[in-house]
Amino acid sequence: MPSPSSKRLAGKTAIITGASSGIGRAIARRFAEEGAKVVVADVTEEPLEGGEPTRRLIENAGGDAVFKKPTFPCGRRWTRWSRIPFRVMGAWT
């Protein structure tokens, strides 16, 4: 059983790609539980597990999240996020 959230990511922002479902969604929820502001980045907007439903789930649990549909190729468009401490990009399909 995991210990209660320590809010060890409070004041930090995380961009989680593929965050609308599966592992990406679980990562986004956990980061939010730990106090991070989460950018739910996914091309999937509104299925049962989608970007907006994931954002609402995080906010309803008391977290802070926004949904962004990324444009591809990411390259230079994501460089403005270079000071973001966490960018989880392992959820690409």
PDB file of N, CA and C in Angstrom:
ATOM      1  N   MET A   1       0.843  -1.171   0.000  1.00  0.00           N
ATOM      2  CA  MET A   1       0.000   0.000   0.000  1.00  0.00           C
ATOM      3  C   MET A   1       0.890   1.236   0.000  1.00  0.00           C
ATOM      4  N   PRO A   2       0.731   2.127  -0.990  1.00  0.00           N
ATOM      5  CA  PRO A   2       1.558   3.333  -1.025  1.00  0.00           C
ATOM      6  C   PRO A   2       1.260   4.244   0.161  1.00  0.00           C
ATOM      7  N   SER A   3       2.272   4.986   0.560  1.00  0.00           N
ATOM      8  CA  SER A   3       2.086   5.939   1.646  1.00  0.00           C
ATOM      9  C   SER A   3       1.255   7.110   1.156  1.00  0.00           C
ATOM     10  N   PRO A   4       0.649   7.873   2.059  1.00  0.00           N
ATOM     11  CA  PRO A   4      -0.133   9.038   1.640  1.00  0.00           C
ATOM     12  C   PRO A   4       0.740  10.012   0.849  1.00  0.00           C
ATOM     13  N   SER A   5       0.111  10.735  -0.037  1.00  0.00           N
ATOM     14  CA  SER A   5       0.823  11.683  -0.887  1.00  0.00           C
ATOM     15  C   SER A   5       1.622  12.676  -0.051  1.00  0.00           C
ATOM     16  N   SER A   6       2.856  12.914  -0.466  1.00  0.00           N
ATOM     17  CA  SER A   6       3.722  13.838   0.265  1.00  0.00           C
ATOM     18  C   SER A   6       3.753  15.219  -0.377  1.00  0.00           C
ATOM     19  N   LYS A   7       3.068  15.383  -1.516  1.00  0.00           N
ATOM     20  CA  LYS A   7       3.073  16.648  -2.249  1.00  0.00           C
ATOM     21  C   LYS A   7       4.496  17.055  -2.625  1.00  0.00           C
ATOM     22  N   ARG A   8       5.328  16.071  -2.911  1.00  0.00           N
ATOM     23  CA  ARG A   8       6.732  16.363  -3.242  1.00  0.00           C
ATOM     24  C   ARG A   8       6.915  17.040  -4.597  1.00  0.00           C
ATOM     25  N   LEU A   9       5.858  17.139  -5.402  1.00  0.00           N
ATOM     26  CA  LEU A   9       5.945  17.834  -6.690  1.00  0.00           C
ATOM     27  C   LEU A   9       5.210  19.175  -6.659  1.00  0.00           C
ATOM     28  N   ALA A  10       4.852  19.637  -5.474  1.00  0.00           N
ATOM     29  CA  ALA A  10       4.138  20.912  -5.333  1.00  0.00           C
ATOM     30  C   ALA A  10       4.954  22.042  -5.951  1.00  0.00           C
ATOM     31  N   GLY A  11       4.274  22.906  -6.706  1.00  0.00           N
ATOM     32  CA  GLY A  11       4.933  24.038  -7.342  1.00  0.00           C
ATOM     33  C   GLY A  11       5.627  23.691  -8.644  1.00  0.00           C
ATOM     34  N   LYS A  12       5.544  22.459  -9.090  1.00  0.00           N
ATOM     35  CA  LYS A  12       6.184  22.039 -10.336  1.00  0.00           C
ATOM     36  C   LYS A  12       5.098  21.780 -11.381  1.00  0.00           C
ATOM     37  N   THR A  13       5.489  21.843 -12.653  1.00  0.00           N
ATOM     38  CA  THR A  13       4.582  21.571 -13.761  1.00  0.00           C
ATOM     39  C   THR A  13       5.113  20.381 -14.544  1.00  0.00           C
ATOM     40  N   ALA A  14       4.211  19.496 -14.948  1.00  0.00           N
ATOM     41  CA  ALA A  14       4.585  18.312 -15.724  1.00  0.00           C
ATOM     42  C   ALA A  14       3.747  18.253 -16.995  1.00  0.00           C
ATOM     43  N   ILE A  15       4.409  18.039 -18.130  1.00  0.00           N
ATOM     44  CA  ILE A  15       3.711  17.788 -19.393  1.00  0.00           C
ATOM     45  C   ILE A  15       3.720  16.283 -19.589  1.00  0.00           C
ATOM     46  N   ILE A  16       2.548  15.682 -19.675  1.00  0.00           N
ATOM     47  CA  ILE A  16       2.434  14.237 -19.848  1.00  0.00           C
ATOM     48  C   ILE A  16       1.777  13.989 -21.203  1.00  0.00           C
ATOM     49  N   THR A  17       2.547  13.485 -22.175  1.00  0.00           N
ATOM     50  CA  THR A  17       1.958  13.165 -23.469  1.00  0.00           C
ATOM     51  C   THR A  17       1.305  11.794 -23.385  1.00  0.00           C
ATOM     52  N   GLY A  18       0.264  11.600 -24.153  1.00  0.00           N
ATOM     53  CA  GLY A  18      -0.467  10.341 -24.108  1.00  0.00           C
ATOM     54  C   GLY A  18      -1.230  10.190 -22.803  1.00  0.00           C
ATOM     55  N   ALA A  19      -1.574  11.317 -22.175  1.00  0.00           N
ATOM     56  CA  ALA A  19      -2.164  11.292 -20.838  1.00  0.00           C
ATOM     57  C   ALA A  19      -3.661  11.049 -20.820  1.00  0.00           C
ATOM     58  N   SER A  20      -4.268  10.795 -21.968  1.00  0.00           N
ATOM     59  CA  SER A  20      -5.718  10.605 -21.970  1.00  0.00           C
ATOM     60  C   SER A  20      -6.128   9.182 -21.616  1.00  0.00           C
ATOM     61  N   SER A  21      -5.184   8.239 -21.617  1.00  0.00           N
ATOM     62  CA  SER A  21      -5.564   6.868 -21.281  1.00  0.00           C
ATOM     63  C   SER A  21      -4.350   6.057 -20.844  1.00  0.00           C
ATOM     64  N   GLY A  22      -4.635   4.920 -20.294  1.00  0.00           N
ATOM     65  CA  GLY A  22      -3.602   3.953 -19.946  1.00  0.00           C
ATOM     66  C   GLY A  22      -2.530   4.466 -19.003  1.00  0.00           C
ATOM     67  N   ILE A  23      -1.282   4.129 -19.308  1.00  0.00           N
ATOM     68  CA  ILE A  23      -0.157   4.497 -18.459  1.00  0.00           C
ATOM     69  C   ILE A  23      -0.010   6.010 -18.359  1.00  0.00           C
ATOM     70  N   GLY A  24      -0.162   6.720 -19.483  1.00  0.00           N
ATOM     71  CA  GLY A  24      -0.047   8.170 -19.456  1.00  0.00           C
ATOM     72  C   GLY A  24      -1.059   8.794 -18.509  1.00  0.00           C
ATOM     73  N   ARG A  25      -2.282   8.270 -18.509  1.00  0.00           N
ATOM     74  CA  ARG A  25      -3.326   8.785 -17.612  1.00  0.00           C
ATOM     75  C   ARG A  25      -2.966   8.507 -16.157  1.00  0.00           C
ATOM     76  N   ALA A  26      -2.467   7.313 -15.889  1.00  0.00           N
ATOM     77  CA  ALA A  26      -2.074   6.957 -14.522  1.00  0.00           C
ATOM     78  C   ALA A  26      -0.935   7.848 -14.033  1.00  0.00           C
ATOM     79  N   ILE A  27       0.021   8.138 -14.921  1.00  0.00           N
ATOM     80  CA  ILE A  27       1.138   9.022 -14.558  1.00  0.00           C
ATOM     81  C   ILE A  27       0.608  10.422 -14.251  1.00  0.00           C
ATOM     82  N   ALA A  28      -0.279  10.930 -15.105  1.00  0.00           N
ATOM     83  CA  ALA A  28      -0.836  12.272 -14.906  1.00  0.00           C
ATOM     84  C   ALA A  28      -1.562  12.362 -13.567  1.00  0.00           C
ATOM     85  N   ARG A  29      -2.356  11.350 -13.257  1.00  0.00           N
ATOM     86  CA  ARG A  29      -3.092  11.353 -11.994  1.00  0.00           C
ATOM     87  C   ARG A  29      -2.141  11.304 -10.803  1.00  0.00           C
ATOM     88  N   ARG A  30      -1.105  10.492 -10.886  1.00  0.00           N
ATOM     89  CA  ARG A  30      -0.160  10.381  -9.774  1.00  0.00           C
ATOM     90  C   ARG A  30       0.621  11.678  -9.566  1.00  0.00           C
ATOM     91  N   PHE A  31       1.074  12.280 -10.669  1.00  0.00           N
ATOM     92  CA  PHE A  31       1.794  13.558 -10.550  1.00  0.00           C
ATOM     93  C   PHE A  31       0.892  14.602  -9.899  1.00  0.00           C
ATOM     94  N   ALA A  32      -0.388  14.632 -10.285  1.00  0.00           N
ATOM     95  CA  ALA A  32      -1.325  15.580  -9.680  1.00  0.00           C
ATOM     96  C   ALA A  32      -1.508  15.296  -8.194  1.00  0.00           C
ATOM     97  N   GLU A  33      -1.598  14.023  -7.828  1.00  0.00           N
ATOM     98  CA  GLU A  33      -1.711  13.656  -6.412  1.00  0.00           C
ATOM     99  C   GLU A  33      -0.512  14.161  -5.620  1.00  0.00           C
ATOM    100  N   GLU A  34       0.643  14.199  -6.265  1.00  0.00           N
ATOM    101  CA  GLU A  34       1.868  14.655  -5.614  1.00  0.00           C
ATOM    102  C   GLU A  34       2.022  16.177  -5.667  1.00  0.00           C
ATOM    103  N   GLY A  35       1.001  16.869  -6.202  1.00  0.00           N
ATOM    104  CA  GLY A  35       0.997  18.322  -6.155  1.00  0.00           C
ATOM    105  C   GLY A  35       1.423  19.043  -7.425  1.00  0.00           C
ATOM    106  N   ALA A  36       1.784  18.318  -8.478  1.00  0.00           N
ATOM    107  CA  ALA A  36       2.209  18.963  -9.725  1.00  0.00           C
ATOM    108  C   ALA A  36       1.010  19.531 -10.478  1.00  0.00           C
ATOM    109  N   LYS A  37       1.227  20.635 -11.172  1.00  0.00           N
ATOM    110  CA  LYS A  37       0.258  21.125 -12.157  1.00  0.00           C
ATOM    111  C   LYS A  37       0.526  20.287 -13.398  1.00  0.00           C
ATOM    112  N   VAL A  38      -0.498  19.678 -13.954  1.00  0.00           N
ATOM    113  CA  VAL A  38      -0.336  18.716 -15.043  1.00  0.00           C
ATOM    114  C   VAL A  38      -0.891  19.266 -16.348  1.00  0.00           C
ATOM    115  N   VAL A  39      -0.073  19.179 -17.399  1.00  0.00           N
ATOM    116  CA  VAL A  39      -0.543  19.456 -18.750  1.00  0.00           C
ATOM    117  C   VAL A  39      -0.864  18.103 -19.371  1.00  0.00           C
ATOM    118  N   VAL A  40      -2.158  17.835 -19.564  1.00  0.00           N
ATOM    119  CA  VAL A  40      -2.623  16.593 -20.179  1.00  0.00           C
ATOM    120  C   VAL A  40      -2.503  16.793 -21.686  1.00  0.00           C
ATOM    121  N   ALA A  41      -1.432  16.267 -22.279  1.00  0.00           N
ATOM    122  CA  ALA A  41      -1.180  16.458 -23.712  1.00  0.00           C
ATOM    123  C   ALA A  41      -1.521  15.172 -24.459  1.00  0.00           C
ATOM    124  N   ASP A  42      -2.491  15.262 -25.342  1.00  0.00           N
ATOM    125  CA  ASP A  42      -2.900  14.089 -26.098  1.00  0.00           C
ATOM    126  C   ASP A  42      -3.703  14.544 -27.307  1.00  0.00           C
ATOM    127  N   VAL A  43      -3.692  13.732 -28.358  1.00  0.00           N
ATOM    128  CA  VAL A  43      -4.493  14.034 -29.537  1.00  0.00           C
ATOM    129  C   VAL A  43      -5.927  13.561 -29.349  1.00  0.00           C
ATOM    130  N   THR A  44      -6.172  12.741 -28.330  1.00  0.00           N
ATOM    131  CA  THR A  44      -7.498  12.212 -28.044  1.00  0.00           C
ATOM    132  C   THR A  44      -8.204  13.142 -27.081  1.00  0.00           C
ATOM    133  N   GLU A  45      -9.303  13.728 -27.517  1.00  0.00           N
ATOM    134  CA  GLU A  45      -9.984  14.724 -26.701  1.00  0.00           C
ATOM    135  C   GLU A  45     -11.131  14.172 -25.860  1.00  0.00           C
ATOM    136  N   GLU A  46     -12.071  13.446 -26.449  1.00  0.00           N
ATOM    137  CA  GLU A  46     -13.320  13.167 -25.750  1.00  0.00           C
ATOM    138  C   GLU A  46     -13.818  11.723 -25.710  1.00  0.00           C
ATOM    139  N   PRO A  47     -13.005  10.687 -25.804  1.00  0.00           N
ATOM    140  CA  PRO A  47     -13.593   9.366 -25.574  1.00  0.00           C
ATOM    141  C   PRO A  47     -13.759   9.160 -24.066  1.00  0.00           C
ATOM    142  N   LEU A  48     -14.170   7.970 -23.671  1.00  0.00           N
ATOM    143  CA  LEU A  48     -14.342   7.676 -22.250  1.00  0.00           C
ATOM    144  C   LEU A  48     -13.099   8.088 -21.480  1.00  0.00           C
ATOM    145  N   GLU A  49     -11.937   7.685 -21.956  1.00  0.00           N
ATOM    146  CA  GLU A  49     -10.674   8.147 -21.389  1.00  0.00           C
ATOM    147  C   GLU A  49     -10.078   9.092 -22.422  1.00  0.00           C
ATOM    148  N   GLY A  50     -10.253  10.363 -22.245  1.00  0.00           N
ATOM    149  CA  GLY A  50      -9.723  11.362 -23.163  1.00  0.00           C
ATOM    150  C   GLY A  50      -9.069  12.490 -22.401  1.00  0.00           C
ATOM    151  N   GLY A  51      -8.547  13.459 -23.130  1.00  0.00           N
ATOM    152  CA  GLY A  51      -7.852  14.570 -22.507  1.00  0.00           C
ATOM    153  C   GLY A  51      -8.714  15.372 -21.558  1.00  0.00           C
ATOM    154  N   GLU A  52      -9.901  15.776 -22.011  1.00  0.00           N
ATOM    155  CA  GLU A  52     -10.797  16.557 -21.147  1.00  0.00           C
ATOM    156  C   GLU A  52     -11.305  15.739 -19.965  1.00  0.00           C
ATOM    157  N   PRO A  53     -11.751  14.488 -20.182  1.00  0.00           N
ATOM    158  CA  PRO A  53     -12.170  13.695 -19.020  1.00  0.00           C
ATOM    159  C   PRO A  53     -11.031  13.481 -18.010  1.00  0.00           C
ATOM    160  N   THR A  54      -9.808  13.327 -18.493  1.00  0.00           N
ATOM    161  CA  THR A  54      -8.672  13.155 -17.592  1.00  0.00           C
ATOM    162  C   THR A  54      -8.415  14.442 -16.817  1.00  0.00           C
ATOM    163  N   ARG A  55      -8.480  15.587 -17.484  1.00  0.00           N
ATOM    164  CA  ARG A  55      -8.310  16.870 -16.807  1.00  0.00           C
ATOM    165  C   ARG A  55      -9.362  17.038 -15.706  1.00  0.00           C
ATOM    166  N   ARG A  56     -10.626  16.735 -16.041  1.00  0.00           N
ATOM    167  CA  ARG A  56     -11.708  16.869 -15.052  1.00  0.00           C
ATOM    168  C   ARG A  56     -11.500  15.917 -13.873  1.00  0.00           C
ATOM    169  N   LEU A  57     -11.051  14.697 -14.163  1.00  0.00           N
ATOM    170  CA  LEU A  57     -10.793  13.719 -13.111  1.00  0.00           C
ATOM    171  C   LEU A  57      -9.745  14.240 -12.129  1.00  0.00           C
ATOM    172  N   ILE A  58      -8.674  14.818 -12.663  1.00  0.00           N
ATOM    173  CA  ILE A  58      -7.610  15.376 -11.818  1.00  0.00           C
ATOM    174  C   ILE A  58      -8.146  16.551 -11.000  1.00  0.00           C
ATOM    175  N   GLU A  59      -8.876  17.456 -11.637  1.00  0.00           N
ATOM    176  CA  GLU A  59      -9.394  18.622 -10.921  1.00  0.00           C
ATOM    177  C   GLU A  59     -10.449  18.240  -9.888  1.00  0.00           C
ATOM    178  N   ASN A  60     -11.286  17.248 -10.192  1.00  0.00           N
ATOM    179  CA  ASN A  60     -12.292  16.800  -9.233  1.00  0.00           C
ATOM    180  C   ASN A  60     -11.650  16.157  -8.000  1.00  0.00           C
ATOM    181  N   ALA A  61     -10.430  15.658  -8.163  1.00  0.00           N
ATOM    182  CA  ALA A  61      -9.698  15.070  -7.034  1.00  0.00           C
ATOM    183  C   ALA A  61      -8.878  16.128  -6.292  1.00  0.00           C
ATOM    184  N   GLY A  62      -9.028  17.399  -6.698  1.00  0.00           N
ATOM    185  CA  GLY A  62      -8.337  18.481  -6.018  1.00  0.00           C
ATOM    186  C   GLY A  62      -7.029  18.899  -6.659  1.00  0.00           C
ATOM    187  N   GLY A  63      -6.686  18.309  -7.818  1.00  0.00           N
ATOM    188  CA  GLY A  63      -5.449  18.656  -8.511  1.00  0.00           C
ATOM    189  C   GLY A  63      -5.631  19.826  -9.462  1.00  0.00           C
ATOM    190  N   ASP A  64      -4.564  20.183 -10.132  1.00  0.00           N
ATOM    191  CA  ASP A  64      -4.555  21.307 -11.066  1.00  0.00           C
ATOM    192  C   ASP A  64      -4.078  20.786 -12.415  1.00  0.00           C
ATOM    193  N   ALA A  65      -4.907  20.905 -13.447  1.00  0.00           N
ATOM    194  CA  ALA A  65      -4.554  20.355 -14.749  1.00  0.00           C
ATOM    195  C   ALA A  65      -5.156  21.185 -15.869  1.00  0.00           C
ATOM    196  N   VAL A  66      -4.507  21.124 -17.037  1.00  0.00           N
ATOM    197  CA  VAL A  66      -5.046  21.694 -18.264  1.00  0.00           C
ATOM    198  C   VAL A  66      -4.908  20.641 -19.348  1.00  0.00           C
ATOM    199  N   PHE A  67      -5.771  20.702 -20.359  1.00  0.00           N
ATOM    200  CA  PHE A  67      -5.664  19.797 -21.496  1.00  0.00           C
ATOM    201  C   PHE A  67      -5.161  20.572 -22.694  1.00  0.00           C
ATOM    202  N   LYS A  68      -4.165  20.031 -23.374  1.00  0.00           N
ATOM    203  CA  LYS A  68      -3.643  20.625 -24.605  1.00  0.00           C
ATOM    204  C   LYS A  68      -3.539  19.541 -25.658  1.00  0.00           C
ATOM    205  N   LYS A  69      -4.112  19.816 -26.819  1.00  0.00           N
ATOM    206  CA  LYS A  69      -3.952  18.910 -27.949  1.00  0.00           C
ATOM    207  C   LYS A  69      -2.695  19.355 -28.689  1.00  0.00           C
ATOM    208  N   PRO A  70      -1.635  18.518 -28.657  1.00  0.00           N
ATOM    209  CA  PRO A  70      -0.380  18.940 -29.283  1.00  0.00           C
ATOM    210  C   PRO A  70      -0.488  18.991 -30.799  1.00  0.00           C
ATOM    211  N   THR A  71       0.320  19.848 -31.383  1.00  0.00           N
ATOM    212  CA  THR A  71       0.449  19.887 -32.832  1.00  0.00           C
ATOM    213  C   THR A  71       1.768  19.228 -33.189  1.00  0.00           C
ATOM    214  N   PHE A  72       1.801  18.529 -34.282  1.00  0.00           N
ATOM    215  CA  PHE A  72       2.999  17.792 -34.664  1.00  0.00           C
ATOM    216  C   PHE A  72       3.572  18.362 -35.946  1.00  0.00           C
ATOM    217  N   PRO A  73       4.862  18.349 -36.188  1.00  0.00           N
ATOM    218  CA  PRO A  73       5.867  17.785 -35.277  1.00  0.00           C
ATOM    219  C   PRO A  73       6.078  18.702 -34.080  1.00  0.00           C
ATOM    220  N   CYS A  74       6.395  18.117 -32.939  1.00  0.00           N
ATOM    221  CA  CYS A  74       6.548  18.897 -31.707  1.00  0.00           C
ATOM    222  C   CYS A  74       7.765  19.800 -31.758  1.00  0.00           C
ATOM    223  N   GLY A  75       8.931  19.258 -32.029  1.00  0.00           N
ATOM    224  CA  GLY A  75      10.175  20.005 -32.164  1.00  0.00           C
ATOM    225  C   GLY A  75      10.224  21.354 -31.507  1.00  0.00           C
ATOM    226  N   ARG A  76      10.309  22.411 -32.316  1.00  0.00           N
ATOM    227  CA  ARG A  76      10.468  23.771 -31.803  1.00  0.00           C
ATOM    228  C   ARG A  76       9.240  24.260 -31.046  1.00  0.00           C
ATOM    229  N   ARG A  77       8.079  23.748 -31.353  1.00  0.00           N
ATOM    230  CA  ARG A  77       6.873  24.216 -30.678  1.00  0.00           C
ATOM    231  C   ARG A  77       6.895  23.919 -29.184  1.00  0.00           C
ATOM    232  N   TRP A  78       7.621  22.890 -28.789  1.00  0.00           N
ATOM    233  CA  TRP A  78       7.676  22.516 -27.378  1.00  0.00           C
ATOM    234  C   TRP A  78       8.899  23.111 -26.684  1.00  0.00           C
ATOM    235  N   THR A  79       9.755  23.818 -27.408  1.00  0.00           N
ATOM    236  CA  THR A  79      10.950  24.363 -26.761  1.00  0.00           C
ATOM    237  C   THR A  79      10.599  25.411 -25.723  1.00  0.00           C
ATOM    238  N   ARG A  80       9.487  26.089 -25.872  1.00  0.00           N
ATOM    239  CA  ARG A  80       9.109  27.086 -24.867  1.00  0.00           C
ATOM    240  C   ARG A  80       8.801  26.438 -23.521  1.00  0.00           C
ATOM    241  N   TRP A  81       8.630  25.117 -23.518  1.00  0.00           N
ATOM    242  CA  TRP A  81       8.377  24.383 -22.281  1.00  0.00           C
ATOM    243  C   TRP A  81       9.683  23.875 -21.663  1.00  0.00           C
ATOM    244  N   SER A  82      10.823  24.326 -22.165  1.00  0.00           N
ATOM    245  CA  SER A  82      12.113  23.763 -21.749  1.00  0.00           C
ATOM    246  C   SER A  82      12.388  23.930 -20.262  1.00  0.00           C
ATOM    247  N   ARG A  83      11.754  24.889 -19.606  1.00  0.00           N
ATOM    248  CA  ARG A  83      11.964  25.060 -18.172  1.00  0.00           C
ATOM    249  C   ARG A  83      10.989  24.241 -17.341  1.00  0.00           C
ATOM    250  N   ILE A  84      10.153  23.456 -17.988  1.00  0.00           N
ATOM    251  CA  ILE A  84       9.231  22.583 -17.272  1.00  0.00           C
ATOM    252  C   ILE A  84      10.053  21.438 -16.687  1.00  0.00           C
ATOM    253  N   PRO A  85       9.976  21.191 -15.376  1.00  0.00           N
ATOM    254  CA  PRO A  85      10.826  20.175 -14.769  1.00  0.00           C
ATOM    255  C   PRO A  85      10.539  18.747 -15.228  1.00  0.00           C
ATOM    256  N   PHE A  86       9.294  18.446 -15.594  1.00  0.00           N
ATOM    257  CA  PHE A  86       8.956  17.080 -15.980  1.00  0.00           C
ATOM    258  C   PHE A  86       8.249  17.077 -17.329  1.00  0.00           C
ATOM    259  N   ARG A  87       8.774  16.295 -18.243  1.00  0.00           N
ATOM    260  CA  ARG A  87       8.108  16.055 -19.529  1.00  0.00           C
ATOM    261  C   ARG A  87       8.131  14.563 -19.751  1.00  0.00           C
ATOM    262  N   VAL A  88       7.009  13.906 -19.545  1.00  0.00           N
ATOM    263  CA  VAL A  88       6.923  12.460 -19.710  1.00  0.00           C
ATOM    264  C   VAL A  88       6.439  12.196 -21.124  1.00  0.00           C
ATOM    265  N   MET A  89       7.322  11.667 -21.957  1.00  0.00           N
ATOM    266  CA  MET A  89       6.988  11.470 -23.362  1.00  0.00           C
ATOM    267  C   MET A  89       7.033   9.995 -23.755  1.00  0.00           C
ATOM    268  N   GLY A  90       6.864   9.109 -22.827  1.00  0.00           N
ATOM    269  CA  GLY A  90       6.930   7.700 -23.130  1.00  0.00           C
ATOM    270  C   GLY A  90       5.599   7.116 -23.555  1.00  0.00           C
ATOM    271  N   ALA A  91       4.588   7.949 -23.688  1.00  0.00           N
ATOM    272  CA  ALA A  91       3.267   7.442 -23.974  1.00  0.00           C
ATOM    273  C   ALA A  91       2.837   7.680 -25.415  1.00  0.00           C
ATOM    274  N   TRP A  92       3.787   7.927 -26.315  1.00  0.00           N
ATOM    275  CA  TRP A  92       3.451   8.133 -27.728  1.00  0.00           C
ATOM    276  C   TRP A  92       2.956   6.841 -28.329  1.00  0.00           C
ATOM    277  N   THR A  93       2.038   6.965 -29.277  1.00  0.00           N
ATOM    278  CA  THR A  93       1.570   5.767 -29.967  1.00  0.00           C
ATOM    279  C   THR A  93       2.042   5.789 -31.389  1.00  0.00           C
TER     280      THR A  93
END
